[in-house]
Amino acid sequence: MHRMLAATCIAQFERLMQVRWRLVEDSGGSLSTPFYLILVFWLAVVFASFGLSAPRNLPSYATITLGGGAIASAIYVIVDLDRPFGGIFAVSSQPLHDALTQLGR
């Protein structure tokens, strides 16, 4: 019984270490800086062309501004979710601290 329990504990520990290393590897961002630069440049060109072809009145300026703000906020959320352990939408480390407290008992 003790050998089975020891084997089970070792297997669970190995799985925990694999998950830990996966979390460490995934903590950095996966999207590259050139991707961001190309995306921002492309969106700036698109909105500049909209601005040049749109009539010169307040509703068209408001529409372009709201559209630019919506796309900028979507890009911000994508960048923030790409780094799960930082930013506004961060993964909480409290469950892991609770588990470590229980294991320490």
C-alpha atoms as a PDB file:
ATOM      1  CA  MET A   1       0.000   0.000   0.000  1.00  0.00           C
ATOM      2  CA  HIS A   2       2.826   2.401   0.844  1.00  0.00           C
ATOM      3  CA  ARG A   3       4.576   1.637  -2.444  1.00  0.00           C
ATOM      4  CA  MET A   4       1.377   2.361  -4.394  1.00  0.00           C
ATOM      5  CA  LEU A   5       0.885   5.588  -2.454  1.00  0.00           C
ATOM      6  CA  ALA A   6       4.497   6.622  -3.089  1.00  0.00           C
ATOM      7  CA  ALA A   7       4.159   5.855  -6.809  1.00  0.00           C
ATOM      8  CA  THR A   8       0.934   7.878  -6.986  1.00  0.00           C
ATOM      9  CA  CYS A   9       2.564  10.812  -5.187  1.00  0.00           C
ATOM     10  CA  ILE A  10       5.551  10.737  -7.524  1.00  0.00           C
ATOM     11  CA  ALA A  11       3.283  10.643 -10.593  1.00  0.00           C
ATOM     12  CA  GLN A  12       1.222  13.576  -9.310  1.00  0.00           C
ATOM     13  CA  PHE A  13       4.389  15.511  -8.510  1.00  0.00           C
ATOM     14  CA  GLU A  14       5.721  14.927 -12.029  1.00  0.00           C
ATOM     15  CA  ARG A  15       2.415  16.124 -13.514  1.00  0.00           C
ATOM     16  CA  LEU A  16       2.520  19.183 -11.263  1.00  0.00           C
ATOM     17  CA  MET A  17       6.049  19.987 -12.414  1.00  0.00           C
ATOM     18  CA  GLN A  18       5.000  19.659 -16.071  1.00  0.00           C
ATOM     19  CA  VAL A  19       2.092  22.033 -15.506  1.00  0.00           C
ATOM     20  CA  ARG A  20       4.365  24.431 -13.617  1.00  0.00           C
ATOM     21  CA  TRP A  21       6.875  24.556 -16.461  1.00  0.00           C
ATOM     22  CA  ARG A  22       4.078  25.016 -18.975  1.00  0.00           C
ATOM     23  CA  LEU A  23       2.835  27.995 -16.953  1.00  0.00           C
ATOM     24  CA  VAL A  24       6.345  29.441 -16.751  1.00  0.00           C
ATOM     25  CA  GLU A  25       6.785  29.078 -20.509  1.00  0.00           C
ATOM     26  CA  ASP A  26       3.373  30.605 -21.234  1.00  0.00           C
ATOM     27  CA  SER A  27       3.834  33.575 -18.896  1.00  0.00           C
ATOM     28  CA  GLY A  28       5.524  35.626 -21.608  1.00  0.00           C
ATOM     29  CA  GLY A  29       3.750  37.072 -24.589  1.00  0.00           C
ATOM     30  CA  SER A  30       3.386  35.007 -27.721  1.00  0.00           C
ATOM     31  CA  LEU A  31       2.738  37.847 -30.160  1.00  0.00           C
ATOM     32  CA  SER A  32       5.752  39.586 -31.633  1.00  0.00           C
ATOM     33  CA  THR A  33       6.503  43.304 -31.765  1.00  0.00           C
ATOM     34  CA  PRO A  34       6.708  43.407 -35.603  1.00  0.00           C
ATOM     35  CA  PHE A  35       3.180  41.993 -35.702  1.00  0.00           C
ATOM     36  CA  TYR A  36       1.942  44.877 -33.525  1.00  0.00           C
ATOM     37  CA  LEU A  37       3.778  47.449 -35.620  1.00  0.00           C
ATOM     38  CA  ILE A  38       2.414  46.098 -38.899  1.00  0.00           C
ATOM     39  CA  LEU A  39      -1.104  45.889 -37.460  1.00  0.00           C
ATOM     40  CA  VAL A  40      -1.003  49.468 -36.149  1.00  0.00           C
ATOM     41  CA  PHE A  41       0.449  50.759 -39.436  1.00  0.00           C
ATOM     42  CA  TRP A  42      -2.203  48.938 -41.461  1.00  0.00           C
ATOM     43  CA  LEU A  43      -5.032  50.255 -39.276  1.00  0.00           C
ATOM     44  CA  ALA A  44      -3.613  53.792 -39.455  1.00  0.00           C
ATOM     45  CA  VAL A  45      -3.592  53.592 -43.257  1.00  0.00           C
ATOM     46  CA  VAL A  46      -7.168  52.280 -43.313  1.00  0.00           C
ATOM     47  CA  PHE A  47      -8.460  55.019 -41.017  1.00  0.00           C
ATOM     48  CA  ALA A  48      -6.465  57.684 -42.855  1.00  0.00           C
ATOM     49  CA  SER A  49      -8.097  56.604 -46.126  1.00  0.00           C
ATOM     50  CA  PHE A  50     -11.513  56.707 -44.450  1.00  0.00           C
ATOM     51  CA  GLY A  51     -10.714  60.166 -43.136  1.00  0.00           C
ATOM     52  CA  LEU A  52      -9.628  61.430 -46.547  1.00  0.00           C
ATOM     53  CA  SER A  53     -12.665  60.060 -48.378  1.00  0.00           C
ATOM     54  CA  ALA A  54     -15.275  60.947 -45.740  1.00  0.00           C
ATOM     55  CA  PRO A  55     -17.271  64.171 -45.938  1.00  0.00           C
ATOM     56  CA  ARG A  56     -16.050  66.964 -43.654  1.00  0.00           C
ATOM     57  CA  ASN A  57     -18.762  67.017 -40.987  1.00  0.00           C
ATOM     58  CA  LEU A  58     -19.156  66.162 -37.317  1.00  0.00           C
ATOM     59  CA  PRO A  59     -20.933  62.773 -37.697  1.00  0.00           C
ATOM     60  CA  SER A  60     -18.175  61.400 -39.940  1.00  0.00           C
ATOM     61  CA  TYR A  61     -15.465  62.608 -37.519  1.00  0.00           C
ATOM     62  CA  ALA A  62     -17.354  61.061 -34.600  1.00  0.00           C
ATOM     63  CA  THR A  63     -17.780  57.765 -36.465  1.00  0.00           C
ATOM     64  CA  ILE A  64     -14.084  57.558 -37.360  1.00  0.00           C
ATOM     65  CA  THR A  65     -13.100  58.436 -33.784  1.00  0.00           C
ATOM     66  CA  LEU A  66     -15.449  55.837 -32.266  1.00  0.00           C
ATOM     67  CA  GLY A  67     -14.287  53.181 -34.731  1.00  0.00           C
ATOM     68  CA  GLY A  68     -10.650  53.938 -33.977  1.00  0.00           C
ATOM     69  CA  GLY A  69     -11.329  53.792 -30.247  1.00  0.00           C
ATOM     70  CA  ALA A  70     -13.154  50.471 -30.580  1.00  0.00           C
ATOM     71  CA  ILE A  71     -10.313  48.910 -32.567  1.00  0.00           C
ATOM     72  CA  ALA A  72      -7.688  50.336 -30.185  1.00  0.00           C
ATOM     73  CA  SER A  73      -9.515  48.883 -27.182  1.00  0.00           C
ATOM     74  CA  ALA A  74      -9.821  45.490 -28.924  1.00  0.00           C
ATOM     75  CA  ILE A  75      -6.072  45.471 -29.600  1.00  0.00           C
ATOM     76  CA  TYR A  76      -5.411  46.424 -25.977  1.00  0.00           C
ATOM     77  CA  VAL A  77      -7.536  43.517 -24.731  1.00  0.00           C
ATOM     78  CA  ILE A  78      -5.721  41.101 -27.073  1.00  0.00           C
ATOM     79  CA  VAL A  79      -2.332  42.331 -25.841  1.00  0.00           C
ATOM     80  CA  ASP A  80      -3.448  42.171 -22.205  1.00  0.00           C
ATOM     81  CA  LEU A  81      -4.857  38.644 -22.526  1.00  0.00           C
ATOM     82  CA  ASP A  82      -1.632  37.528 -24.218  1.00  0.00           C
ATOM     83  CA  ARG A  83       0.180  38.040 -20.904  1.00  0.00           C
ATOM     84  CA  PRO A  84      -1.990  36.130 -18.410  1.00  0.00           C
ATOM     85  CA  PHE A  85      -0.045  37.000 -15.237  1.00  0.00           C
ATOM     86  CA  GLY A  86      -0.073  40.788 -15.614  1.00  0.00           C
ATOM     87  CA  GLY A  87      -2.300  43.650 -16.665  1.00  0.00           C
ATOM     88  CA  ILE A  88      -5.957  44.343 -15.979  1.00  0.00           C
ATOM     89  CA  PHE A  89      -7.193  40.855 -16.916  1.00  0.00           C
ATOM     90  CA  ALA A  90      -4.680  38.901 -14.815  1.00  0.00           C
ATOM     91  CA  VAL A  91      -4.978  35.334 -13.603  1.00  0.00           C
ATOM     92  CA  SER A  92      -5.159  35.295  -9.827  1.00  0.00           C
ATOM     93  CA  SER A  93      -2.430  33.452  -7.955  1.00  0.00           C
ATOM     94  CA  GLN A  94      -4.575  33.068  -4.833  1.00  0.00           C
ATOM     95  CA  PRO A  95      -5.780  29.495  -5.609  1.00  0.00           C
ATOM     96  CA  LEU A  96      -2.165  28.370  -5.970  1.00  0.00           C
ATOM     97  CA  HIS A  97      -1.248  30.020  -2.657  1.00  0.00           C
ATOM     98  CA  ASP A  98      -4.198  28.263  -1.004  1.00  0.00           C
ATOM     99  CA  ALA A  99      -3.088  24.913  -2.421  1.00  0.00           C
ATOM    100  CA  LEU A 100       0.462  25.468  -1.185  1.00  0.00           C
ATOM    101  CA  THR A 101      -0.886  26.334   2.260  1.00  0.00           C
ATOM    102  CA  GLN A 102      -2.875  23.091   2.314  1.00  0.00           C
ATOM    103  CA  LEU A 103       0.157  21.099   1.176  1.00  0.00           C
ATOM    104  CA  GLY A 104       2.284  22.674   3.901  1.00  0.00           C
ATOM    105  CA  ARG A 105       0.012  21.356   6.659  1.00  0.00           C
END
